Protein backbone atom coordinates (compact mmCIF):
# COMPACT_ATOMS: atom_id res chain seq x y z
CA MET A 1 52.68 101.05 144.81
CA GLU A 2 49.41 100.02 146.15
CA LEU A 3 46.27 99.89 143.18
CA ASN A 4 44.10 102.40 142.42
CA TYR A 5 40.35 101.68 142.68
CA ASP A 6 38.84 104.69 141.08
CA PHE A 7 36.38 103.65 138.31
CA GLU A 8 34.24 105.17 135.70
CA PHE A 9 31.46 104.07 133.25
CA GLN A 10 32.48 102.85 129.71
CA SER A 11 30.01 103.20 127.14
CA ILE A 12 29.12 99.78 125.37
CA PHE A 13 27.84 101.74 121.93
CA PRO A 14 29.98 104.63 121.76
CA LYS A 15 28.60 108.06 121.20
CA ALA A 16 30.16 107.88 117.41
CA VAL A 17 27.41 105.85 116.28
CA TRP A 18 24.56 107.93 116.81
CA LEU A 19 26.18 110.34 114.58
CA VAL A 20 25.43 108.25 111.50
CA PRO A 21 21.64 109.19 110.40
CA GLU A 22 21.23 105.62 109.59
CA CYS A 23 22.55 104.25 112.61
CA LYS A 24 20.70 106.52 114.87
CA ARG A 25 17.36 105.87 113.36
CA LEU A 26 18.02 102.24 113.84
CA LEU A 27 18.51 102.27 117.19
CA ASP A 28 15.96 104.53 118.10
CA GLU A 29 13.55 101.96 116.56
CA VAL A 30 14.62 98.78 118.81
CA GLY A 31 15.14 101.59 121.49
CA ILE A 32 18.95 101.90 122.41
CA ALA A 33 19.93 105.03 123.66
CA HIS A 34 23.19 106.32 124.40
CA ASN A 35 22.80 107.83 127.99
CA MET A 36 20.73 104.49 129.21
CA LYS A 37 22.08 102.52 132.27
CA GLY A 38 21.94 99.31 129.56
CA ASN A 39 24.74 101.19 127.39
CA TYR A 40 27.49 101.40 130.34
CA VAL A 41 29.50 99.28 132.47
CA THR A 42 31.51 99.72 135.33
CA ALA A 43 35.47 99.82 134.54
CA PHE A 44 38.97 100.94 136.72
CA VAL A 45 40.24 104.08 135.40
CA ASP A 46 44.44 103.03 135.99
CA PRO A 47 45.38 100.13 133.86
CA ALA A 48 47.49 98.84 136.25
CA THR A 49 44.79 96.93 138.97
CA VAL A 50 43.40 95.60 134.96
CA VAL A 51 46.59 93.69 134.56
CA ALA A 52 46.84 92.96 138.27
CA LEU A 53 43.18 91.29 137.41
CA TRP A 54 44.39 89.72 134.52
CA ARG A 55 47.25 87.72 136.68
CA GLU A 56 44.84 86.23 138.89
CA PRO A 57 42.65 82.80 138.34
CA ALA A 58 40.20 83.42 135.31
CA GLU A 59 37.46 82.59 138.11
CA PHE A 60 38.38 86.15 140.10
CA ARG A 61 37.60 87.46 136.66
CA ALA A 62 34.55 85.91 135.92
CA THR A 63 33.07 86.68 139.32
CA LEU A 64 33.80 90.75 138.72
CA ILE A 65 32.21 90.81 135.25
CA LYS A 66 29.47 88.86 136.63
CA ALA A 67 28.58 91.80 139.23
CA GLY A 68 29.48 93.80 135.81
CA TRP A 69 32.94 94.96 136.23
CA SER A 70 34.94 95.46 132.83
CA THR A 71 38.21 93.39 133.36
CA LEU A 72 39.25 95.86 130.62
CA PRO A 73 40.37 99.72 131.48
CA TYR A 74 38.27 102.59 131.15
CA GLU A 75 38.68 104.69 127.85
CA GLY A 76 36.06 106.35 127.40
CA GLU A 77 35.05 107.82 124.06
CA ALA A 78 39.28 108.16 123.31
CA ALA A 79 39.22 104.98 120.90
CA PRO A 80 38.10 104.83 117.51
CA ASP A 81 38.24 101.12 117.21
CA LYS A 82 34.81 100.25 118.35
CA ALA A 83 32.71 103.01 115.89
CA GLN A 84 34.64 101.57 113.36
CA PHE A 85 33.57 98.28 114.20
CA LEU A 86 30.07 98.83 114.80
CA ILE A 87 29.18 101.31 111.99
CA PRO A 88 29.29 99.21 108.94
CA LYS A 89 27.75 96.49 111.13
CA LEU A 90 24.41 98.70 112.02
CA LEU A 91 24.86 100.00 108.26
CA GLU A 92 24.40 96.21 107.12
CA ILE A 93 21.35 95.64 109.24
CA HIS A 94 19.91 99.21 107.86
CA ALA A 95 20.10 98.01 104.90
CA LYS A 96 18.48 94.83 105.36
CA VAL A 97 15.92 96.70 106.91
CA GLU A 98 15.14 98.80 103.76
CA SER A 99 15.52 96.18 102.02
CA ARG A 100 12.70 94.08 103.92
CA ALA A 101 15.18 90.97 103.73
CA TYR A 102 14.28 91.95 108.20
CA ASP A 103 10.77 92.33 109.97
CA ALA A 104 10.87 94.36 112.91
CA GLN A 105 11.22 91.17 115.04
CA ALA A 106 14.54 90.19 113.04
CA THR A 107 15.76 93.89 113.39
CA LYS A 108 15.77 93.96 116.39
CA TYR A 109 17.44 90.38 116.85
CA ALA A 110 20.01 91.48 114.73
CA VAL A 111 20.93 94.74 116.65
CA PHE A 112 20.55 93.44 120.10
CA ALA A 113 22.85 90.45 119.45
CA LEU A 114 25.47 92.92 117.97
CA PHE A 115 24.48 95.29 120.81
CA ARG A 116 25.37 91.75 123.10
CA PHE A 117 28.76 90.84 121.29
CA THR A 118 29.87 94.48 122.21
CA HIS A 119 28.53 94.23 125.75
CA GLN A 120 30.74 91.16 125.64
CA LEU A 121 33.91 93.11 124.25
CA THR A 122 33.98 95.96 127.00
CA MET A 123 33.94 93.39 129.47
CA GLY A 124 37.15 91.89 128.11
CA GLU A 125 35.12 88.37 127.86
CA VAL A 126 35.86 88.34 123.90
CA LEU A 127 39.26 86.05 124.04
CA GLY A 128 41.94 85.19 121.10
CA ALA A 129 42.80 81.58 120.74
CA ASP A 130 45.73 82.56 123.29
CA GLY A 131 43.70 83.39 126.00
CA ARG A 132 43.97 87.36 125.73
CA PRO A 133 41.09 89.53 125.83
CA THR A 134 40.29 91.32 122.46
CA CYS A 135 40.73 95.14 123.11
CA SER A 136 40.93 98.48 121.06
CA PRO A 137 45.26 99.59 120.23
CA LEU A 138 44.87 102.39 122.82
CA THR A 139 44.13 100.04 125.43
CA GLN A 140 46.57 97.12 124.41
CA GLN A 141 48.90 100.22 124.65
CA ARG A 142 47.67 101.53 128.12
CA MET A 143 48.15 98.01 129.48
CA LYS A 144 51.02 97.67 127.66
CA ASP A 145 52.30 100.57 129.71
CA ALA A 146 51.27 100.00 132.86
CA PRO A 147 53.46 100.00 136.03
CA SER A 148 55.52 96.48 136.61
CA ASP A 149 55.79 97.07 139.98
CA ILE A 150 52.72 96.11 141.81
CA GLY A 151 50.19 92.58 141.11
CA LEU A 152 52.82 90.20 142.77
CA ARG A 153 50.50 88.40 144.80
CA CYS A 154 51.70 85.78 148.02
CA GLN A 155 49.81 82.57 147.06
CA GLN A 156 49.78 81.46 150.62
CA GLY A 157 48.21 85.02 151.63
CA GLY A 158 45.62 85.17 149.28
CA TYR A 159 44.28 88.37 147.30
CA GLY A 160 44.93 91.73 148.03
CA HIS A 161 48.65 90.39 149.35
CA GLY A 162 50.63 92.16 147.28
CA VAL A 163 54.37 92.37 146.89
CA ARG A 164 56.40 94.53 144.91
CA PRO A 165 59.20 92.99 142.45
CA GLY A 166 62.50 91.97 144.59
CA LYS A 167 60.80 92.29 148.09
CA SER A 168 60.29 89.90 150.98
CA CYS A 169 56.92 88.55 151.07
CA ARG A 170 55.70 88.95 155.10
CA CYS A 171 52.88 86.59 154.90
CA ARG A 172 53.36 84.73 158.16
CA ALA A 173 52.13 81.19 155.89
CA CYS A 174 55.29 81.69 154.10
CA HIS A 175 58.12 83.02 156.43
CA ALA A 176 59.19 82.71 160.01
CA GLY A 177 59.19 85.93 162.69
CA ALA A 178 56.69 88.11 163.61
CA ALA A 179 54.39 88.36 160.75
CA GLY A 180 57.23 87.69 158.40
CA GLU A 181 59.23 90.71 158.65
CA ALA A 182 62.27 88.89 160.70
CA GLY A 183 62.33 85.75 159.14
CA ARG A 184 62.71 84.28 156.05
CA CYS A 185 61.19 81.75 153.31
CA ARG A 186 60.39 78.48 155.16
CA SER A 187 61.00 76.48 152.17
CA GLN A 188 64.27 78.73 150.66
CA PRO A 189 67.82 79.28 152.06
CA ALA A 190 68.12 81.91 153.63
CA GLY A 191 68.25 84.93 150.83
CA ALA A 192 66.32 82.84 148.12
CA ARG A 193 63.35 83.85 146.35
CA CYS A 194 60.32 82.99 147.74
CA PRO A 195 58.72 80.18 145.12
CA ARG A 196 54.95 80.83 146.17
CA LEU A 197 55.21 84.79 144.92
CA ARG A 198 53.96 84.82 141.39
CA PRO A 199 55.62 86.76 138.72
CA PRO A 200 53.34 89.02 136.30
CA ALA A 201 52.23 87.63 132.94
CA ASP A 202 52.36 88.45 130.09
CA LEU A 203 49.41 90.35 129.07
CA LYS A 204 49.43 91.56 125.30
CA PRO A 205 46.19 92.18 124.16
CA VAL A 206 44.68 92.25 120.17
CA PRO A 207 43.02 95.03 118.73
CA TYR A 208 38.66 94.53 117.27
CA VAL A 209 39.99 94.40 113.94
CA ALA A 210 42.71 91.72 114.36
CA HIS A 211 40.31 89.23 116.09
CA SER A 212 39.22 86.84 113.86
CA GLY A 213 37.94 83.80 116.53
CA ALA A 214 34.48 85.94 117.77
CA LYS A 215 31.98 85.29 115.19
CA LEU A 216 28.72 87.36 115.18
CA GLU A 217 25.23 86.22 113.87
CA THR A 218 22.38 88.69 113.06
CA SER A 219 20.36 86.59 110.37
CA ARG A 220 18.84 84.49 113.13
CA ARG A 221 15.23 84.75 114.44
CA PRO A 222 15.08 85.17 118.32
CA ALA A 223 14.03 82.93 120.68
CA ALA A 224 10.92 84.05 122.91
CA GLY A 225 11.95 86.06 125.42
CA THR A 226 15.23 86.81 124.15
CA PHE A 227 16.79 90.46 123.99
CA SER A 228 14.66 92.52 125.07
CA PRO A 229 15.50 96.62 125.65
């Protein structure tokens, strides 16, 4: 089974946030719109592809994130968890604006600090103490249910050299014979499993509400040049 590289654009702030009048007014004031380019990141549609990415070294995922690709699968607006997390935070900021505890600059900083944190959540950058990404229960279940017959990697063959469980690696560097097809693992007796094949890692993300390791600060004023819409 080959990996599916189809992708969609995943929103950072979901549309449900704009359905709350106070949140909409706050976001309009700082210049954040649901349909603006900066409110979306690229995400793979197939959760099995994302699970395979999490079996690769952290440096590989860091490169994807730097290029603007999420390391969580696309979920669209289906999961309510992100909105349930964001709306109380935005209402808290709105209340401080109404009470004059926040001026325009502090308001802008608070909203964009929340936006940056949510961007990190959407990219799969917010990790628990166990190194697993924070995500919604929907995404957690989809990744758990993803097919397990893809993503084995021959370490000698490099990225993209996929091997199904129980099948022989055909990498020239690992096996004797033409392209490894007629040979066996050079470091093991005939019929033994090649040690260069890595099994799938156990990936069990946790939902937003269950993650207590990430801290969000919204009360400090910004440094010069920080957080521009």
